[in-house]
Amino acid sequence: MRTTRLARSTGALVVLVIVLIGAACGGSSSTSTGGDDGGGADLPDCPVEALDTATSPVEVVVWHSYVAKTKETLEKLAAQYNASQDKVEVRVESQGNSYDELWSKYQQSAQSGGLPAIAILEDTSTQSIVDSGTILPAQSCIDADDYDTSDLVQTGIDYYSIDDAFYPASVNMSSPLLYFNKNHLRRANLDPNTAPTTLEEVRTVAQAIKDAGVAPTPLVMNMSSWYIETWLTGDGKAIVDNENGRGGGETTAAGFDNADTVALMQWLKDMNADGLLNAIPYTPGKIDHLLAMSEQSASMVFETSTAATSIKAFLAGDTSIVADASAEDAQAAANVDTSGLDIDAAQIPGITAAGQIQVSGGAWYMTNSTAPEVQAAAWDFMKWWNEPAAQIVWNTEGSYIPFSTTAAQSPEVQQFWQNDNAGRWLSLSYEQLSQGVDPDWPGPLIGPYDDTRDAIESGLDELILQGKDPQAMVTDAANATTAAIERYNEGNF
């Protein structure tokens, strides 16, 4: 059975922080086929005992694209693991500030050799990374090591499984939230503690803010396909055929050329035409949407939950989190006036209700081109990483939702979620992932996910910047997606 599924100112806050983080976790691109590729019946062996015979510490290189607090936390935890034993030495290496950059480096290295022991790739890479033949499936090690997965979040396992085989060794779970400036709602005589729950309510709030003269374009949006996918999947609509890529047959075409998608595009076009939306074309690493929040020309923005702890740190005056930014942005961040910002977050508004999403985030893949002892060492590290103690820190300091249910229920995490602003925002993401994801509809599995997102994002630019008709935009994006799927099915990866 196929398992169902895949700054500049304080805005530096939102900008540099959220921004950089958003680029590394929010939405990017990837790939799909469907069918029965990568099935659990033909999994390779996992050399779990190879570490026992190693005569010196085995180095495990981990590629990532994290920035700010998330990067700091990854490095901190790797150091803790290294200090906890003497057989493995984990070395983390940054491969850029976005999943796009990391994925590009991975694809190049897959052809030329030199892959790391572990790569943390975006959720969209699931089908293509499996089809590439470059990874050691975690399921192989789970079976060989009799590893108990009962404490791991089932939603994450379901999303990253194909034919009952779980491929990554761990999962970083996140989701989009609505970040908003409560001061703007107050000035518009709106309840600052009541956020919009649907897209129509977003329009109503934006109109009230604009009418009150508080912000010229109350909603700013980075036009990433991630949000379109989230809204459609959350509403039970398919991105591709074959049960959103997770059926028993072959995925052959786009599934979003319908009235529901056209209505969503019409909402965006009308919001822009009426001066309620500042639509920023999606470019990895661009932070214009966050700058708009920091400069208070906008009141609301959609962004990833993974920005939570970094936003909190930036608002508290910690500008070290923008160390990976350009010199210009870092200088601007250091001079930010946060007095007019009272940032809060809420579950992302949906088509019919808030919090209806698909699984998002990243996954830790072990590669199969390293020596057996390196593969065994990578597995040892991943088992340690999934333990509650590490997952608690990964949540409270790194802003990812715990992959361990014990960690999520721990006093440390529960207290963080109740008493800390960043924790409260992360608890919203946890609720969305726990309650807003349909276990039978967790998100699309697409081989050419990169091409799918490129088609949708190009269409969004044409819709907003060129005034393209919503139906024509949807049809053209769907046709481009179908063509990409056909090409992928002929060659894979």
Foldseek 3Di string as FASTA:
>chain_A
DWFFAFFFFLLCLVFVQLLLQQQAFPDFFFFAKFAQALAPVDADAALQCLLVPDPFAAEFEEEGQDFFLQVVLVVVVQVVVCVVDGRYRYDYDYQHSHLVSQVVVQVVCLVVPDDTQKYKHWRQHQVQVSLSQWFRAVQNVCVVVVPDCPQFDVNQQSHNTTNNTRGFLFFFWKDKWKKFFLLLCVLLVHHSVDDDWALVVLLVSLVSSCVSVQAQAAEEEALFCQVVQFQQLLVVFEQWPCLLSRHNRITFFGGPLDPVQLVVLVSVLVSLVVRHYHYHQHDRSDRPSSHCVLVRNYTMYMGMLQSLLSSVCLVVPPLVRSVVPDPNSSVSHNPHDCVSGDMAIAFPHHNVGGLQGAITTIGMTGTDPDDSSNSSSVSVVSVVCLDLVNQLSCCLRRPTHRRGNCNCPDPSLVCCCVPPRSSVSSVNRVCSSVPNADSNRRGHRGGRRNQLRVLLSVLSCCCHVVVDNSSVSSVRSRVSRSVVNVVCVVPRD
